[in-house]
Amino acid sequence: MLNFFRVRELLAAEQRLIRLQAKGKAVFVGDTHGDLDATETVFREYFKPGYTLIFLGDYVDRGPDSRANIAYLLEKKAGAPDQVFLLMGNHEGYCSVPFSPADFWEGLAPDENDFFSGVFRFLPFAVVAENGLMAVHGVPPDVNTLEEINAIQLCSEQWHQLTWGDFTELKAAVEAGPAGRQKFGQDYFTDVMTRLGKSVLIRAHQPRINPVIFDKKCITLITSYAYTFTRLIAIADLEKPFISSADDIEIVEI
């Protein structure tokens, strides 16, 4: 039985920005969207000493097993809080910004809605490593320092960038998209990554974009059969002194 208070306390104790130690390897997992098989496969293969698992958000809706998928993830987080990290995606923000399709949320009883909303509001927003890596769900927020991420509030402009932001391969574009989703081009990406002192971004959220863009500096992962027949994860060596491009990261199909 999932201990609601245990999970909420663990997440509330974390900062919005997770800093990974330069130790072992990190496995980054894109949207799982109710694909319990994808989540279980990642844990079966990589939940072992020397590996840190980072899930990039969107655990519910679209797929057939949303409830089982998020329960499994929260149980694993409760059992290994320093080895499993769960970032917030836009589908974890339904209490803040309703959207459709939302089959998971719409099927919850009121007390269940309160439970999941109360847990998700504490999910972290970003992960960084010492060797130049950064990971978010959508796009990096328009801030000047990494520490500012810890102060970002739900429903703020920066929160929308983190959870709802899309990329376009156009160089200079920053434009509104459907349902308020902004699209950001390479100029924005290069500027904000330079400000934050990071070289390579790993993200999720956007199934209809090339997996590697922006001169191999940006990797997009989707890890759910709800979207694709090719479920991708990325494995990064946290002990590697510097990661300069996607060529330094292993992208694996599960």
Protein backbone atom coordinates (compact mmCIF):
# COMPACT_ATOMS: atom_id res chain seq x y z
CA MET A 1 0.00 0.00 0.00
CA LEU A 2 1.43 3.36 -1.04
CA ASN A 3 2.10 5.61 1.92
CA PHE A 4 0.78 9.03 0.82
CA PHE A 5 2.40 10.95 3.65
CA ARG A 6 5.78 9.26 3.15
CA VAL A 7 5.89 10.10 -0.55
CA ARG A 8 4.65 13.66 -0.06
CA GLU A 9 7.21 14.31 2.68
CA LEU A 10 10.02 12.96 0.51
CA LEU A 11 9.06 15.12 -2.43
CA ALA A 12 8.44 18.21 -0.30
CA ALA A 13 11.96 17.85 1.14
CA GLU A 14 13.52 17.92 -2.33
CA GLN A 15 14.35 21.16 -4.07
CA ARG A 16 12.88 22.00 -7.45
CA LEU A 17 16.38 21.65 -8.89
CA ILE A 18 18.06 18.27 -8.41
CA ARG A 19 21.87 18.24 -8.58
CA LEU A 20 23.35 14.87 -9.46
CA GLN A 21 26.65 13.75 -8.01
CA ALA A 22 29.50 12.92 -10.40
CA LYS A 23 29.11 9.23 -9.66
CA GLY A 24 27.93 6.30 -11.78
CA LYS A 25 25.49 6.62 -14.66
CA ALA A 26 22.16 8.37 -15.11
CA VAL A 27 19.27 6.87 -17.05
CA PHE A 28 16.84 9.43 -18.46
CA VAL A 29 13.32 8.27 -19.32
CA GLY A 30 10.87 10.27 -21.44
CA ASP A 31 7.07 10.36 -21.24
CA THR A 32 5.73 7.00 -20.09
CA HIS A 33 2.04 8.01 -20.28
CA GLY A 34 0.46 4.95 -18.70
CA ASP A 35 2.90 2.52 -20.33
CA LEU A 36 3.62 0.39 -17.27
CA ASP A 37 5.65 -2.05 -19.36
CA ALA A 38 8.11 0.72 -20.26
CA THR A 39 8.54 1.71 -16.63
CA GLU A 40 8.97 -1.86 -15.46
CA THR A 41 11.49 -2.51 -18.24
CA VAL A 42 13.62 0.44 -17.14
CA PHE A 43 13.64 -0.74 -13.54
CA ARG A 44 14.34 -4.33 -14.50
CA GLU A 45 17.36 -3.33 -16.60
CA TYR A 46 18.80 -0.35 -14.73
CA PHE A 47 17.61 -0.26 -11.13
CA LYS A 48 20.91 -1.44 -9.69
CA PRO A 49 23.97 -0.03 -7.93
CA GLY A 50 25.74 2.69 -9.87
CA TYR A 51 22.65 3.92 -11.72
CA THR A 52 20.36 6.87 -11.02
CA LEU A 53 16.97 6.86 -12.75
CA ILE A 54 15.46 10.18 -13.84
CA PHE A 55 11.92 10.16 -15.22
CA LEU A 56 11.10 13.33 -17.14
CA GLY A 57 7.37 13.65 -16.44
CA ASP A 58 4.01 12.73 -18.02
CA TYR A 59 3.34 9.47 -16.19
CA VAL A 60 -0.43 9.48 -16.62
CA ASP A 61 -3.12 9.84 -19.33
CA ARG A 62 -3.20 8.46 -22.88
CA GLY A 63 -1.86 4.97 -22.05
CA PRO A 64 -3.84 2.05 -20.61
CA ASP A 65 -2.22 1.75 -17.17
CA SER A 66 -1.89 5.27 -15.78
CA ARG A 67 -2.90 4.39 -12.23
CA ALA A 68 -0.59 1.36 -12.03
CA ASN A 69 2.23 3.29 -13.69
CA ILE A 70 2.22 6.21 -11.28
CA ALA A 71 1.68 3.97 -8.25
CA TYR A 72 4.69 1.88 -9.28
CA LEU A 73 6.86 4.99 -9.73
CA LEU A 74 5.85 6.52 -6.41
CA GLU A 75 6.53 3.25 -4.60
CA LYS A 76 9.99 3.06 -6.15
CA LYS A 77 10.63 6.67 -5.21
CA ALA A 78 9.60 6.00 -1.61
CA GLY A 79 11.92 2.99 -1.45
CA ALA A 80 14.96 4.63 -3.06
CA PRO A 81 14.61 8.42 -2.82
CA ASP A 82 18.24 9.13 -3.74
CA GLN A 83 18.25 6.79 -6.75
CA VAL A 84 14.90 7.64 -8.38
CA PHE A 85 13.82 11.14 -9.38
CA LEU A 86 10.45 12.06 -10.89
CA LEU A 87 10.23 15.41 -12.64
CA MET A 88 6.97 17.25 -13.19
CA GLY A 89 5.42 17.12 -16.64
CA ASN A 90 2.41 19.03 -17.87
CA HIS A 91 0.17 16.00 -17.22
CA GLU A 92 1.08 16.20 -13.54
CA GLY A 93 -0.24 19.77 -13.44
CA TYR A 94 -3.91 19.13 -14.15
CA CYS A 95 -4.95 20.79 -10.90
CA SER A 96 -3.24 23.97 -12.11
CA VAL A 97 -3.95 23.96 -15.84
CA PRO A 98 -6.71 21.55 -16.99
CA PHE A 99 -6.19 19.97 -20.41
CA SER A 100 -7.48 17.24 -22.69
CA PRO A 101 -7.17 14.29 -23.05
CA ALA A 102 -7.09 13.70 -19.31
CA ASP A 103 -8.55 10.22 -18.93
CA PHE A 104 -6.58 9.50 -15.76
CA TRP A 105 -7.69 12.66 -13.99
CA GLU A 106 -11.28 12.47 -15.17
CA GLY A 107 -11.58 8.92 -13.81
CA LEU A 108 -10.51 9.80 -10.26
CA ALA A 109 -12.81 10.09 -7.28
CA PRO A 110 -12.54 13.42 -5.41
CA ASP A 111 -10.34 12.00 -2.64
CA GLU A 112 -8.06 10.37 -5.22
CA ASN A 113 -7.78 13.64 -7.07
CA ASP A 114 -6.75 15.34 -3.83
CA PHE A 115 -4.17 12.61 -3.20
CA PHE A 116 -2.44 12.82 -6.57
CA SER A 117 -2.68 16.60 -6.80
CA GLY A 118 -1.17 16.87 -3.34
CA VAL A 119 1.76 14.66 -4.32
CA PHE A 120 2.41 16.05 -7.79
CA ARG A 121 2.60 19.66 -6.66
CA PHE A 122 5.93 18.86 -4.98
CA LEU A 123 7.63 17.20 -7.96
CA PRO A 124 10.97 18.77 -8.95
CA PHE A 125 11.34 20.75 -12.16
CA ALA A 126 14.88 20.09 -13.39
CA VAL A 127 17.99 17.96 -12.99
CA VAL A 128 21.57 19.06 -13.63
CA ALA A 129 24.92 17.31 -13.55
CA GLU A 130 28.40 18.73 -13.05
CA ASN A 131 29.54 17.72 -16.52
CA GLY A 132 27.20 19.98 -18.50
CA LEU A 133 23.96 17.99 -18.57
CA MET A 134 20.53 19.43 -17.85
CA ALA A 135 17.15 17.70 -17.97
CA VAL A 136 13.61 19.11 -17.91
CA HIS A 137 10.22 18.05 -19.25
CA GLY A 138 9.63 20.87 -21.75
CA VAL A 139 12.19 23.65 -22.23
CA PRO A 140 14.65 25.31 -19.82
CA PRO A 141 13.07 28.31 -18.08
CA ASP A 142 14.02 31.88 -18.88
CA VAL A 143 16.15 32.49 -15.77
CA ASN A 144 19.70 33.71 -15.28
CA THR A 145 20.95 31.20 -12.71
CA LEU A 146 20.19 27.61 -11.85
CA GLU A 147 19.27 28.53 -8.29
CA GLU A 148 16.34 30.60 -9.57
CA ILE A 149 14.66 27.34 -10.58
CA ASN A 150 14.10 26.56 -6.90
CA ALA A 151 11.92 29.66 -6.59
CA ILE A 152 9.69 29.05 -9.64
CA GLN A 153 6.02 28.95 -8.70
CA LEU A 154 3.31 26.75 -10.16
CA CYS A 155 1.48 28.41 -13.07
CA SER A 156 4.15 31.08 -13.52
CA GLU A 157 5.56 31.83 -16.97
CA GLN A 158 8.71 29.88 -16.16
CA TRP A 159 6.64 26.90 -14.97
CA HIS A 160 4.77 26.89 -18.28
CA GLN A 161 8.11 26.86 -20.11
CA LEU A 162 9.35 23.93 -18.03
CA THR A 163 6.24 21.80 -18.38
CA TRP A 164 4.46 22.96 -21.55
CA GLY A 165 7.22 24.47 -23.72
CA ASP A 166 7.92 23.08 -27.20
CA PHE A 167 10.93 23.49 -29.45
CA THR A 168 10.98 24.30 -33.14
CA GLU A 169 14.03 23.76 -35.31
CA LEU A 170 13.68 27.30 -36.66
CA LYS A 171 16.56 29.40 -35.41
CA ALA A 172 14.85 32.52 -34.11
CA ALA A 173 11.25 31.46 -33.44
CA VAL A 174 9.51 32.17 -30.15
CA GLU A 175 5.81 31.91 -30.83
CA ALA A 176 2.53 30.88 -29.28
CA GLY A 177 1.22 27.42 -30.06
CA PRO A 178 -2.06 25.54 -29.44
CA ALA A 179 -3.52 25.88 -25.94
CA GLY A 180 -0.91 28.48 -25.05
CA ARG A 181 2.07 26.21 -25.72
CA GLN A 182 5.01 28.38 -26.71
CA LYS A 183 7.51 27.22 -29.32
CA PHE A 184 11.14 28.17 -28.80
CA GLY A 185 13.88 28.18 -31.42
CA GLN A 186 17.61 27.56 -31.37
CA ASP A 187 18.49 31.13 -30.43
CA TYR A 188 16.50 30.85 -27.20
CA PHE A 189 17.98 27.41 -26.48
CA THR A 190 21.56 28.58 -26.97
CA ASP A 191 21.05 31.74 -24.92
CA VAL A 192 19.43 30.12 -21.89
CA MET A 193 21.80 27.13 -21.84
CA THR A 194 24.77 29.51 -21.96
CA ARG A 195 23.35 31.55 -19.09
CA LEU A 196 22.87 28.39 -17.04
CA GLY A 197 26.32 27.02 -17.88
CA LYS A 198 25.04 23.80 -19.43
CA SER A 199 25.93 22.21 -22.73
CA VAL A 200 23.40 19.42 -23.44
CA LEU A 201 19.68 19.19 -22.67
CA ILE A 202 17.68 15.97 -22.29
CA ARG A 203 13.92 16.45 -22.37
CA ALA A 204 10.60 14.74 -23.19
CA HIS A 205 7.09 16.11 -23.90
CA GLN A 206 7.22 16.53 -27.69
CA PRO A 207 6.73 13.37 -29.79
CA ARG A 208 6.70 15.06 -33.19
CA ILE A 209 10.20 16.49 -33.34
CA ASN A 210 13.52 14.97 -34.32
CA PRO A 211 15.08 13.20 -31.32
CA VAL A 212 18.36 15.12 -31.70
CA ILE A 213 18.42 18.80 -32.73
CA PHE A 214 20.35 22.04 -32.26
CA ASP A 215 23.78 20.77 -33.35
CA LYS A 216 23.35 17.63 -31.24
CA LYS A 217 22.86 19.68 -28.07
CA CYS A 218 19.20 18.80 -27.45
CA ILE A 219 17.79 15.27 -27.06
CA THR A 220 14.05 14.54 -26.89
CA LEU A 221 12.90 11.21 -25.45
CA ILE A 222 9.50 9.54 -25.70
CA THR A 223 9.26 6.24 -23.80
CA SER A 224 5.64 5.20 -24.25
CA TYR A 225 3.78 3.05 -26.74
CA ALA A 226 0.95 5.56 -26.34
CA TYR A 227 2.93 7.71 -28.81
CA THR A 228 5.48 5.60 -30.62
CA PHE A 229 6.70 2.12 -31.50
CA THR A 230 10.27 3.20 -30.68
CA ARG A 231 10.62 3.81 -26.95
CA LEU A 232 13.86 5.66 -26.24
CA ILE A 233 15.90 6.30 -23.10
CA ALA A 234 19.28 7.99 -22.70
CA ILE A 235 22.21 6.85 -20.56
CA ALA A 236 24.85 9.35 -19.49
CA ASP A 237 28.13 8.74 -17.69
CA LEU A 238 28.10 11.14 -14.76
CA GLU A 239 31.82 10.57 -14.20
CA LYS A 240 32.71 11.76 -17.70
CA PRO A 241 34.39 15.16 -17.19
CA PHE A 242 32.39 16.96 -19.88
CA ILE A 243 29.45 16.06 -22.10
CA SER A 244 29.50 18.26 -25.17
CA SER A 245 26.88 16.68 -27.45
CA ALA A 246 24.56 13.74 -28.01
CA ASP A 247 27.60 11.83 -29.25
CA ASP A 248 28.67 11.54 -25.59
CA ILE A 249 25.35 9.96 -24.56
CA GLU A 250 23.99 6.50 -25.28
CA ILE A 251 20.46 6.55 -26.70
CA VAL A 252 18.83 3.16 -26.29
CA GLU A 253 15.58 1.62 -27.50
CA ILE A 254 13.75 -0.46 -24.90
